Amino acid sequence: MNQENENKPISGYIMLVVTLLILGVSLLMLIVSKNPFFTIGLLVSGLLMPGFFYVNPNGSRVLILFGDYRGTVKKNGFFWVNPFYTKKSISLRARNFDSERIKVNDKVGNPILIGVILVWKVENTYKAAFDVDDYENFVRIQSDAAVRKLAGRYPYDNFEDGEAEVTLRSGLDEVNRALEETLRQRLEIAGIEVIEARIGYLAYASEIAGAMLRRQQATAIVAARHKIVEGAVSMVEMALEDLSKREVIELDEERKAAMVSNLMVVLCADKDITPVVNSGTLNH
C-alpha cells in the first residue's frame, strides 16, 4: 500500500465507558472477593488506555502498526484504535513560509537578493509521512532551490538584455506563475499542495546596488532629456512658423540659427536663464 486511505476508528466515548466499566468492576470484585484473578481486568483496562486519541479540526493522525500503514484519521473528534498503533500527528492547516533572502545570479549574471513567500498545506498524509524524511524541511530546501533556478531564467531588468520581455522586476505575474508551477512539481513528491507562491523580496546585492541605482538614475535623466528636447524642437519650429506667417520679422538663415540656438538653450536648460539684450547686430 503506497496511497493514502482514510481510517474510521471507533468513537472514543464508547470505548471510554467500556474501559471504565472494566476497571470499576475489576476493582470492585477484587476488593469484595479478594481473588487475584480480577487483576486481569485491571491489566486489560490499562492496556486499552493508550488507544485513546483526539483529532483537532484540520488535523490528522497517521496510524502505523509495527511498520505497517493502517490509514489516516482526518475526521476531528475523540476516538479509540488498537493500542499498539503508532499515531503520528500531521497538520492539514495552510501554512506560510517566508524564505530567507538568498543571494543568486540573474540571467545576465548580476548578483541579486531574492526571497519567496509560499502558502502550502499537506494534501497527502501518506507521502508526507513516508515518502520524505522531514516534509517541513523538504519544503524549505525545495523552495530555495526553486528560487535559485527561477532567478537564473530571467534578468533583473532589461537594461542589459533589451530584448527581454519578462524580467524579475516588471514581469511579476508571469514570474510568480512560473515559480508556483516549479514548486508544485517539486513538492508533489511530499504530498504538499502549493496554494500560492510569489516573490516576496527582490533587490540588487549590496556590492552593485549603488552602481545600479546610478545607472537607473542616468537612464531616467536621459529619457527626461529626450522628452524635453523633443518638445523644445516642436516649440522652436512652431515659433519660426508663426513669425513667418505673421510677418513680424524677416529672418535670414544666420538669424534663424541664432534664434534656434537661443530658444533651445532657454527651453532645455535645467536652471533659470538670464537673458542678454543685444542692442546692436549679431556681429557686434
C-alpha atoms as a PDB file:
ATOM      1  CA  MET A   1       0.000   0.000   0.000  1.00  0.00           C
ATOM      2  CA  ASN A   2       1.518   3.287  -1.109  1.00  0.00           C
ATOM      3  CA  GLN A   3      -1.508   5.577  -1.182  1.00  0.00           C
ATOM      4  CA  GLU A   4      -3.406   7.431   1.488  1.00  0.00           C
ATOM      5  CA  ASN A   5      -6.606   5.847   2.758  1.00  0.00           C
ATOM      6  CA  GLU A   6      -8.935   7.128   5.443  1.00  0.00           C
ATOM      7  CA  ASN A   7      -9.365   5.134   8.628  1.00  0.00           C
ATOM      8  CA  LYS A   8     -12.681   5.335  10.506  1.00  0.00           C
ATOM      9  CA  PRO A   9     -11.934   4.445  14.138  1.00  0.00           C
ATOM     10  CA  ILE A  10     -14.307   3.643  16.986  1.00  0.00           C
ATOM     11  CA  SER A  11     -15.776   6.509  18.980  1.00  0.00           C
ATOM     12  CA  GLY A  12     -13.591   7.237  21.972  1.00  0.00           C
ATOM     13  CA  TYR A  13     -16.575   7.950  24.207  1.00  0.00           C
ATOM     14  CA  ILE A  14     -17.982   4.436  23.768  1.00  0.00           C
ATOM     15  CA  MET A  15     -14.646   2.798  24.494  1.00  0.00           C
ATOM     16  CA  LEU A  16     -14.073   5.136  27.444  1.00  0.00           C
ATOM     17  CA  VAL A  17     -17.307   3.883  29.030  1.00  0.00           C
ATOM     18  CA  VAL A  18     -16.292   0.255  28.339  1.00  0.00           C
ATOM     19  CA  THR A  19     -12.831   0.804  29.792  1.00  0.00           C
ATOM     20  CA  LEU A  20     -14.168   2.489  32.932  1.00  0.00           C
ATOM     21  CA  LEU A  21     -16.693  -0.327  33.404  1.00  0.00           C
ATOM     22  CA  ILE A  22     -13.974  -2.975  33.146  1.00  0.00           C
ATOM     23  CA  LEU A  23     -11.805  -1.003  35.542  1.00  0.00           C
ATOM     24  CA  GLY A  24     -14.614  -0.383  38.036  1.00  0.00           C
ATOM     25  CA  VAL A  25     -15.950  -3.953  38.017  1.00  0.00           C
ATOM     26  CA  SER A  26     -12.454  -5.401  38.355  1.00  0.00           C
ATOM     27  CA  LEU A  27     -11.652  -3.169  41.311  1.00  0.00           C
ATOM     28  CA  LEU A  28     -14.958  -3.938  42.986  1.00  0.00           C
ATOM     29  CA  MET A  29     -14.627  -7.712  42.534  1.00  0.00           C
ATOM     30  CA  LEU A  30     -11.020  -7.618  43.661  1.00  0.00           C
ATOM     31  CA  ILE A  31     -11.990  -5.808  46.862  1.00  0.00           C
ATOM     32  CA  VAL A  32     -15.039  -7.974  47.573  1.00  0.00           C
ATOM     33  CA  SER A  33     -13.699 -11.414  46.648  1.00  0.00           C
ATOM     34  CA  LYS A  34     -10.021 -10.693  47.040  1.00  0.00           C
ATOM     35  CA  ASN A  35      -9.482 -13.039  44.110  1.00  0.00           C
ATOM     36  CA  PRO A  36      -6.268 -12.122  42.222  1.00  0.00           C
ATOM     37  CA  PHE A  37      -7.927 -13.330  39.025  1.00  0.00           C
ATOM     38  CA  PHE A  38      -9.668  -9.950  38.712  1.00  0.00           C
ATOM     39  CA  THR A  39      -6.317  -8.194  38.337  1.00  0.00           C
ATOM     40  CA  ILE A  40      -6.598  -9.288  34.706  1.00  0.00           C
ATOM     41  CA  GLY A  41      -9.389  -6.719  34.315  1.00  0.00           C
ATOM     42  CA  LEU A  42      -7.085  -4.041  35.642  1.00  0.00           C
ATOM     43  CA  LEU A  43      -4.430  -5.069  33.129  1.00  0.00           C
ATOM     44  CA  VAL A  44      -6.977  -5.062  30.294  1.00  0.00           C
ATOM     45  CA  SER A  45      -8.234  -1.568  31.162  1.00  0.00           C
ATOM     46  CA  GLY A  46      -4.642  -0.320  31.382  1.00  0.00           C
ATOM     47  CA  LEU A  47      -3.914  -1.891  28.009  1.00  0.00           C
ATOM     48  CA  LEU A  48      -6.891  -0.141  26.417  1.00  0.00           C
ATOM     49  CA  MET A  49      -5.920   3.337  27.631  1.00  0.00           C
ATOM     50  CA  PRO A  50      -3.139   4.064  25.043  1.00  0.00           C
ATOM     51  CA  GLY A  51      -5.693   3.559  22.264  1.00  0.00           C
ATOM     52  CA  PHE A  52      -7.437   6.868  23.005  1.00  0.00           C
ATOM     53  CA  PHE A  53      -6.600   9.950  20.966  1.00  0.00           C
ATOM     54  CA  TYR A  54      -8.246  13.045  19.516  1.00  0.00           C
ATOM     55  CA  VAL A  55      -8.008  14.939  16.233  1.00  0.00           C
ATOM     56  CA  ASN A  56      -8.393  18.718  16.095  1.00  0.00           C
ATOM     57  CA  PRO A  57     -10.085  20.484  13.153  1.00  0.00           C
ATOM     58  CA  ASN A  58      -7.785  20.494  10.103  1.00  0.00           C
ATOM     59  CA  GLY A  59      -5.604  17.908  11.778  1.00  0.00           C
ATOM     60  CA  SER A  60      -4.916  14.244  11.111  1.00  0.00           C
ATOM     61  CA  ARG A  61      -3.335  11.154  12.643  1.00  0.00           C
ATOM     62  CA  VAL A  62      -1.387   8.626  10.587  1.00  0.00           C
ATOM     63  CA  LEU A  63      -1.820   5.139  12.080  1.00  0.00           C
ATOM     64  CA  ILE A  64       1.060   2.659  11.931  1.00  0.00           C
ATOM     65  CA  LEU A  65       1.121  -0.905  13.318  1.00  0.00           C
ATOM     66  CA  PHE A  66       4.666  -2.252  13.632  1.00  0.00           C
ATOM     67  CA  GLY A  67       5.746  -0.534  10.410  1.00  0.00           C
ATOM     68  CA  ASP A  68       2.508  -1.250   8.535  1.00  0.00           C
ATOM     69  CA  TYR A  69       0.444   1.756   7.417  1.00  0.00           C
ATOM     70  CA  ARG A  70      -3.138   1.370   8.660  1.00  0.00           C
ATOM     71  CA  GLY A  71      -4.709   4.562   7.315  1.00  0.00           C
ATOM     72  CA  THR A  72      -5.172   8.192   8.252  1.00  0.00           C
ATOM     73  CA  VAL A  73      -7.817   9.682  10.540  1.00  0.00           C
ATOM     74  CA  LYS A  74      -8.895  13.110   9.245  1.00  0.00           C
ATOM     75  CA  LYS A  75     -12.256  13.449  10.965  1.00  0.00           C
ATOM     76  CA  ASN A  76     -11.962  15.586  14.064  1.00  0.00           C
ATOM     77  CA  GLY A  77     -13.142  14.199  17.398  1.00  0.00           C
ATOM     78  CA  PHE A  78     -12.313  11.716  20.167  1.00  0.00           C
ATOM     79  CA  PHE A  79     -11.505   8.164  19.020  1.00  0.00           C
ATOM     80  CA  TRP A  80     -10.071   4.816  20.029  1.00  0.00           C
ATOM     81  CA  VAL A  81      -7.952   2.440  17.964  1.00  0.00           C
ATOM     82  CA  ASN A  82      -5.733  -0.560  18.554  1.00  0.00           C
ATOM     83  CA  PRO A  83      -3.469   0.404  21.488  1.00  0.00           C
ATOM     84  CA  PHE A  84      -0.440  -0.859  19.591  1.00  0.00           C
ATOM     85  CA  TYR A  85      -0.940   1.674  16.800  1.00  0.00           C
ATOM     86  CA  THR A  86       1.602   4.457  16.498  1.00  0.00           C
ATOM     87  CA  LYS A  87      -0.289   7.676  15.938  1.00  0.00           C
ATOM     88  CA  LYS A  88       1.674  10.340  14.029  1.00  0.00           C
ATOM     89  CA  SER A  89       0.112  13.792  14.006  1.00  0.00           C
ATOM     90  CA  ILE A  90       0.179  15.782  10.743  1.00  0.00           C
ATOM     91  CA  SER A  91      -1.474  19.192  10.445  1.00  0.00           C
ATOM     92  CA  LEU A  92      -3.650  19.880   7.403  1.00  0.00           C
ATOM     93  CA  ARG A  93      -3.774  23.630   8.003  1.00  0.00           C
ATOM     94  CA  ALA A  94      -2.469  26.117   5.450  1.00  0.00           C
ATOM     95  CA  ARG A  95       0.963  27.432   6.406  1.00  0.00           C
ATOM     96  CA  ASN A  96       3.093  30.407   5.402  1.00  0.00           C
ATOM     97  CA  PHE A  97       6.764  30.052   4.589  1.00  0.00           C
ATOM     98  CA  ASP A  98       8.768  33.257   4.229  1.00  0.00           C
ATOM     99  CA  SER A  99      12.183  32.216   2.971  1.00  0.00           C
ATOM    100  CA  GLU A 100      15.412  33.933   3.862  1.00  0.00           C
ATOM    101  CA  ARG A 101      16.833  36.415   1.373  1.00  0.00           C
ATOM    102  CA  ILE A 102      19.346  34.438  -0.632  1.00  0.00           C
ATOM    103  CA  LYS A 103      21.991  35.806  -2.978  1.00  0.00           C
ATOM    104  CA  VAL A 104      21.775  34.420  -6.520  1.00  0.00           C
ATOM    105  CA  ASN A 105      22.760  35.471 -10.033  1.00  0.00           C
ATOM    106  CA  ASP A 106      20.127  36.504 -12.521  1.00  0.00           C
ATOM    107  CA  LYS A 107      20.135  35.531 -16.205  1.00  0.00           C
ATOM    108  CA  VAL A 108      22.857  38.036 -17.123  1.00  0.00           C
ATOM    109  CA  GLY A 109      24.980  37.273 -14.059  1.00  0.00           C
ATOM    110  CA  ASN A 110      24.091  40.191 -11.785  1.00  0.00           C
ATOM    111  CA  PRO A 111      24.086  39.263  -8.073  1.00  0.00           C
ATOM    112  CA  ILE A 112      20.654  39.865  -6.567  1.00  0.00           C
ATOM    113  CA  LEU A 113      18.876  39.220  -3.282  1.00  0.00           C
ATOM    114  CA  ILE A 114      15.592  37.359  -3.591  1.00  0.00           C
ATOM    115  CA  GLY A 115      13.077  35.810  -1.197  1.00  0.00           C
ATOM    116  CA  VAL A 116       9.870  33.846  -1.692  1.00  0.00           C
ATOM    117  CA  ILE A 117       6.579  33.689   0.205  1.00  0.00           C
ATOM    118  CA  LEU A 118       4.924  30.286  -0.047  1.00  0.00           C
ATOM    119  CA  VAL A 119       1.464  29.246   1.176  1.00  0.00           C
ATOM    120  CA  TRP A 120       1.181  25.468   1.388  1.00  0.00           C
ATOM    121  CA  LYS A 121      -0.552  22.607   3.148  1.00  0.00           C
ATOM    122  CA  VAL A 122      -0.341  18.813   3.354  1.00  0.00           C
ATOM    123  CA  GLU A 123      -2.667  17.147   0.863  1.00  0.00           C
ATOM    124  CA  ASN A 124      -1.488  13.523   1.011  1.00  0.00           C
ATOM    125  CA  THR A 125      -0.532  12.391   4.516  1.00  0.00           C
ATOM    126  CA  TYR A 126       0.980   9.113   3.305  1.00  0.00           C
ATOM    127  CA  LYS A 127       3.517  10.884   1.087  1.00  0.00           C
ATOM    128  CA  ALA A 128       4.263  13.492   3.762  1.00  0.00           C
ATOM    129  CA  ALA A 129       4.869  10.801   6.387  1.00  0.00           C
ATOM    130  CA  PHE A 130       6.716   8.153   4.379  1.00  0.00           C
ATOM    131  CA  ASP A 131       7.992   9.460   1.018  1.00  0.00           C
ATOM    132  CA  VAL A 132      10.275  12.116   2.543  1.00  0.00           C
ATOM    133  CA  ASP A 133      12.256  12.183   5.756  1.00  0.00           C
ATOM    134  CA  ASP A 134      11.011  15.561   7.058  1.00  0.00           C
ATOM    135  CA  TYR A 135       8.360  17.242   4.916  1.00  0.00           C
ATOM    136  CA  GLU A 136       8.711  20.665   6.562  1.00  0.00           C
ATOM    137  CA  ASN A 137      12.458  20.746   5.911  1.00  0.00           C
ATOM    138  CA  PHE A 138      11.761  19.412   2.429  1.00  0.00           C
ATOM    139  CA  VAL A 139       9.546  22.452   1.735  1.00  0.00           C
ATOM    140  CA  ARG A 140      12.273  24.857   2.885  1.00  0.00           C
ATOM    141  CA  ILE A 141      15.054  23.288   0.834  1.00  0.00           C
ATOM    142  CA  GLN A 142      12.991  22.853  -2.326  1.00  0.00           C
ATOM    143  CA  SER A 143      11.742  26.454  -2.089  1.00  0.00           C
ATOM    144  CA  ASP A 144      15.309  27.758  -2.015  1.00  0.00           C
ATOM    145  CA  ALA A 145      16.255  25.518  -4.936  1.00  0.00           C
ATOM    146  CA  ALA A 146      13.247  26.675  -6.960  1.00  0.00           C
ATOM    147  CA  VAL A 147      14.078  30.338  -6.337  1.00  0.00           C
ATOM    148  CA  ARG A 148      17.680  29.849  -7.457  1.00  0.00           C
ATOM    149  CA  LYS A 149      16.530  28.120 -10.626  1.00  0.00           C
ATOM    150  CA  LEU A 150      13.905  30.775 -11.324  1.00  0.00           C
ATOM    151  CA  ALA A 151      16.337  33.684 -10.882  1.00  0.00           C
ATOM    152  CA  GLY A 152      18.640  32.166 -13.489  1.00  0.00           C
ATOM    153  CA  ARG A 153      15.863  32.168 -16.092  1.00  0.00           C
ATOM    154  CA  TYR A 154      15.094  35.907 -16.051  1.00  0.00           C
ATOM    155  CA  PRO A 155      17.163  39.115 -15.898  1.00  0.00           C
ATOM    156  CA  TYR A 156      16.526  41.518 -13.041  1.00  0.00           C
ATOM    157  CA  ASP A 157      15.615  44.208 -15.574  1.00  0.00           C
ATOM    158  CA  ASN A 158      16.093  44.780 -19.306  1.00  0.00           C
ATOM    159  CA  PHE A 159      18.920  47.331 -19.156  1.00  0.00           C
ATOM    160  CA  GLU A 160      21.480  44.803 -20.321  1.00  0.00           C
ATOM    161  CA  ASP A 161      19.060  42.490 -22.117  1.00  0.00           C
ATOM    162  CA  GLY A 162      16.920  44.846 -24.151  1.00  0.00           C
ATOM    163  CA  GLU A 163      15.094  42.017 -25.883  1.00  0.00           C
ATOM    164  CA  ALA A 164      13.856  40.524 -22.621  1.00  0.00           C
ATOM    165  CA  GLU A 165      10.106  40.929 -22.438  1.00  0.00           C
ATOM    166  CA  VAL A 166       9.815  39.361 -18.980  1.00  0.00           C
ATOM    167  CA  THR A 167      12.052  40.427 -16.120  1.00  0.00           C
ATOM    168  CA  LEU A 168      12.037  39.728 -12.410  1.00  0.00           C
ATOM    169  CA  ARG A 169      11.157  43.344 -11.656  1.00  0.00           C
ATOM    170  CA  SER A 170       8.491  44.050 -14.277  1.00  0.00           C
ATOM    171  CA  GLY A 171       7.022  40.620 -15.047  1.00  0.00           C
ATOM    172  CA  LEU A 172       5.977  39.594 -11.558  1.00  0.00           C
ATOM    173  CA  ASP A 173       2.736  37.943 -12.654  1.00  0.00           C
ATOM    174  CA  GLU A 174       4.422  35.597 -15.090  1.00  0.00           C
ATOM    175  CA  VAL A 175       7.402  35.050 -12.787  1.00  0.00           C
ATOM    176  CA  ASN A 176       5.108  34.140  -9.882  1.00  0.00           C
ATOM    177  CA  ARG A 177       3.184  31.693 -12.066  1.00  0.00           C
ATOM    178  CA  ALA A 178       6.441  30.056 -13.136  1.00  0.00           C
ATOM    179  CA  LEU A 179       7.592  29.881  -9.506  1.00  0.00           C
ATOM    180  CA  GLU A 180       4.286  28.361  -8.402  1.00  0.00           C
ATOM    181  CA  GLU A 181       4.409  25.704 -11.114  1.00  0.00           C
ATOM    182  CA  THR A 182       8.026  24.828 -10.314  1.00  0.00           C
ATOM    183  CA  LEU A 183       7.268  24.462  -6.619  1.00  0.00           C
ATOM    184  CA  ARG A 184       4.146  22.405  -7.330  1.00  0.00           C
ATOM    185  CA  GLN A 185       6.207  19.910  -9.306  1.00  0.00           C
ATOM    186  CA  ARG A 186       8.955  19.749  -6.698  1.00  0.00           C
ATOM    187  CA  LEU A 187       6.677  19.397  -3.658  1.00  0.00           C
ATOM    188  CA  GLU A 188       4.270  16.891  -5.163  1.00  0.00           C
ATOM    189  CA  ILE A 189       6.564  14.054  -4.091  1.00  0.00           C
ATOM    190  CA  ALA A 190       5.931  15.018  -0.447  1.00  0.00           C
ATOM    191  CA  GLY A 191       2.156  15.296  -0.835  1.00  0.00           C
ATOM    192  CA  ILE A 192       2.283  19.092  -0.495  1.00  0.00           C
ATOM    193  CA  GLU A 193      -0.304  21.325  -2.163  1.00  0.00           C
ATOM    194  CA  VAL A 194       1.008  24.735  -3.234  1.00  0.00           C
ATOM    195  CA  ILE A 195      -1.757  27.269  -2.625  1.00  0.00           C
ATOM    196  CA  GLU A 196       0.211  30.362  -3.604  1.00  0.00           C
ATOM    197  CA  ALA A 197       3.815  31.274  -4.312  1.00  0.00           C
ATOM    198  CA  ARG A 198       5.216  34.705  -5.070  1.00  0.00           C
ATOM    199  CA  ILE A 199       8.396  36.756  -4.885  1.00  0.00           C
ATOM    200  CA  GLY A 200       8.418  38.474  -1.513  1.00  0.00           C
ATOM    201  CA  TYR A 201      11.703  40.396  -1.756  1.00  0.00           C
ATOM    202  CA  LEU A 202      13.796  41.468  -4.730  1.00  0.00           C
ATOM    203  CA  ALA A 203      16.801  43.781  -4.825  1.00  0.00           C
ATOM    204  CA  TYR A 204      20.309  44.067  -6.178  1.00  0.00           C
ATOM    205  CA  ALA A 205      23.056  42.739  -3.926  1.00  0.00           C
ATOM    206  CA  SER A 206      24.783  45.389  -1.822  1.00  0.00           C
ATOM    207  CA  GLU A 207      28.040  45.304  -3.816  1.00  0.00           C
ATOM    208  CA  ILE A 208      26.336  46.536  -7.004  1.00  0.00           C
ATOM    209  CA  ALA A 209      23.242  48.267  -5.615  1.00  0.00           C
ATOM    210  CA  GLY A 210      24.857  51.745  -5.693  1.00  0.00           C
ATOM    211  CA  ALA A 211      26.100  51.388  -9.254  1.00  0.00           C
ATOM    212  CA  MET A 212      22.756  50.052 -10.459  1.00  0.00           C
ATOM    213  CA  LEU A 213      20.925  52.925  -8.770  1.00  0.00           C
ATOM    214  CA  ARG A 214      23.148  55.461 -10.530  1.00  0.00           C
ATOM    215  CA  ARG A 215      22.554  53.682 -13.834  1.00  0.00           C
ATOM    216  CA  GLN A 216      18.797  53.797 -13.316  1.00  0.00           C
ATOM    217  CA  GLN A 217      19.001  57.493 -12.446  1.00  0.00           C
ATOM    218  CA  ALA A 218      21.089  58.165 -15.545  1.00  0.00           C
ATOM    219  CA  THR A 219      18.589  56.283 -17.696  1.00  0.00           C
ATOM    220  CA  ALA A 220      15.748  58.296 -16.216  1.00  0.00           C
ATOM    221  CA  ILE A 221      17.620  61.577 -16.833  1.00  0.00           C
ATOM    222  CA  VAL A 222      18.347  60.624 -20.441  1.00  0.00           C
ATOM    223  CA  ALA A 223      14.705  59.724 -21.007  1.00  0.00           C
ATOM    224  CA  ALA A 224      13.579  63.023 -19.477  1.00  0.00           C
ATOM    225  CA  ARG A 225      16.087  64.991 -21.573  1.00  0.00           C
ATOM    226  CA  HIS A 226      14.871  63.234 -24.673  1.00  0.00           C
ATOM    227  CA  LYS A 227      11.312  64.365 -23.985  1.00  0.00           C
ATOM    228  CA  ILE A 228      12.477  67.909 -23.213  1.00  0.00           C
ATOM    229  CA  VAL A 229      14.486  68.184 -26.444  1.00  0.00           C
ATOM    230  CA  GLU A 230      11.633  66.693 -28.435  1.00  0.00           C
ATOM    231  CA  GLY A 231       9.242  69.259 -27.011  1.00  0.00           C
ATOM    232  CA  ALA A 232      11.728  72.116 -27.451  1.00  0.00           C
ATOM    233  CA  VAL A 233      12.238  71.307 -31.128  1.00  0.00           C
ATOM    234  CA  SER A 234       8.492  71.365 -31.683  1.00  0.00           C
ATOM    235  CA  MET A 235       8.166  74.710 -29.885  1.00  0.00           C
ATOM    236  CA  VAL A 236      11.032  76.283 -31.890  1.00  0.00           C
ATOM    237  CA  GLU A 237       9.537  75.029 -35.137  1.00  0.00           C
ATOM    238  CA  MET A 238       6.154  76.446 -34.177  1.00  0.00           C
ATOM    239  CA  ALA A 239       7.713  79.786 -33.207  1.00  0.00           C
ATOM    240  CA  LEU A 240       9.510  80.141 -36.530  1.00  0.00           C
ATOM    241  CA  GLU A 241       6.381  79.248 -38.456  1.00  0.00           C
ATOM    242  CA  ASP A 242       4.259  81.786 -36.532  1.00  0.00           C
ATOM    243  CA  LEU A 243       6.830  84.557 -37.038  1.00  0.00           C
ATOM    244  CA  SER A 244       6.959  83.793 -40.727  1.00  0.00           C
ATOM    245  CA  LYS A 245       3.175  83.677 -41.168  1.00  0.00           C
ATOM    246  CA  ARG A 246       2.529  86.881 -39.223  1.00  0.00           C
ATOM    247  CA  GLU A 247       5.444  88.652 -40.924  1.00  0.00           C
ATOM    248  CA  VAL A 248       6.586  90.034 -37.599  1.00  0.00           C
ATOM    249  CA  ILE A 249      10.218  89.980 -38.671  1.00  0.00           C
ATOM    250  CA  GLU A 250      12.119  88.716 -41.665  1.00  0.00           C
ATOM    251  CA  LEU A 251      14.865  86.368 -40.597  1.00  0.00           C
ATOM    252  CA  ASP A 252      17.752  85.248 -42.727  1.00  0.00           C
ATOM    253  CA  GLU A 253      19.460  81.923 -42.171  1.00  0.00           C
ATOM    254  CA  GLU A 254      22.018  83.384 -39.778  1.00  0.00           C
ATOM    255  CA  ARG A 255      19.345  84.986 -37.601  1.00  0.00           C
ATOM    256  CA  LYS A 256      17.246  81.829 -37.659  1.00  0.00           C
ATOM    257  CA  ALA A 257      20.251  79.828 -36.491  1.00  0.00           C
ATOM    258  CA  ALA A 258      20.889  82.282 -33.661  1.00  0.00           C
ATOM    259  CA  MET A 259      17.234  82.284 -32.644  1.00  0.00           C
ATOM    260  CA  VAL A 260      17.053  78.499 -32.689  1.00  0.00           C
ATOM    261  CA  SER A 261      20.217  78.311 -30.592  1.00  0.00           C
ATOM    262  CA  ASN A 262      18.878  80.764 -28.011  1.00  0.00           C
ATOM    263  CA  LEU A 263      15.467  79.123 -27.794  1.00  0.00           C
ATOM    264  CA  MET A 264      16.963  75.658 -27.373  1.00  0.00           C
ATOM    265  CA  VAL A 265      19.198  76.927 -24.576  1.00  0.00           C
ATOM    266  CA  VAL A 266      16.242  78.532 -22.813  1.00  0.00           C
ATOM    267  CA  LEU A 267      13.890  75.582 -23.258  1.00  0.00           C
ATOM    268  CA  CYS A 268      16.353  72.794 -22.465  1.00  0.00           C
ATOM    269  CA  ALA A 269      18.259  74.347 -19.579  1.00  0.00           C
ATOM    270  CA  ASP A 270      17.634  72.883 -16.143  1.00  0.00           C
ATOM    271  CA  LYS A 271      18.242  76.248 -14.459  1.00  0.00           C
ATOM    272  CA  ASP A 272      16.744  79.718 -14.859  1.00  0.00           C
ATOM    273  CA  ILE A 273      18.221  81.591 -17.813  1.00  0.00           C
ATOM    274  CA  THR A 274      19.278  85.261 -17.600  1.00  0.00           C
ATOM    275  CA  PRO A 275      18.564  86.880 -20.962  1.00  0.00           C
ATOM    276  CA  VAL A 276      21.130  89.209 -22.558  1.00  0.00           C
ATOM    277  CA  VAL A 277      19.702  92.078 -24.617  1.00  0.00           C
ATOM    278  CA  ASN A 278      21.720  92.745 -27.748  1.00  0.00           C
ATOM    279  CA  SER A 279      21.229  96.343 -28.872  1.00  0.00           C
ATOM    280  CA  GLY A 280      23.451  96.002 -31.908  1.00  0.00           C
ATOM    281  CA  THR A 281      23.651  93.429 -34.633  1.00  0.00           C
ATOM    282  CA  LEU A 282      24.530  89.791 -34.397  1.00  0.00           C
ATOM    283  CA  ASN A 283      28.154  90.592 -35.223  1.00  0.00           C
ATOM    284  CA  HIS A 284      28.673  93.475 -32.770  1.00  0.00           C
END
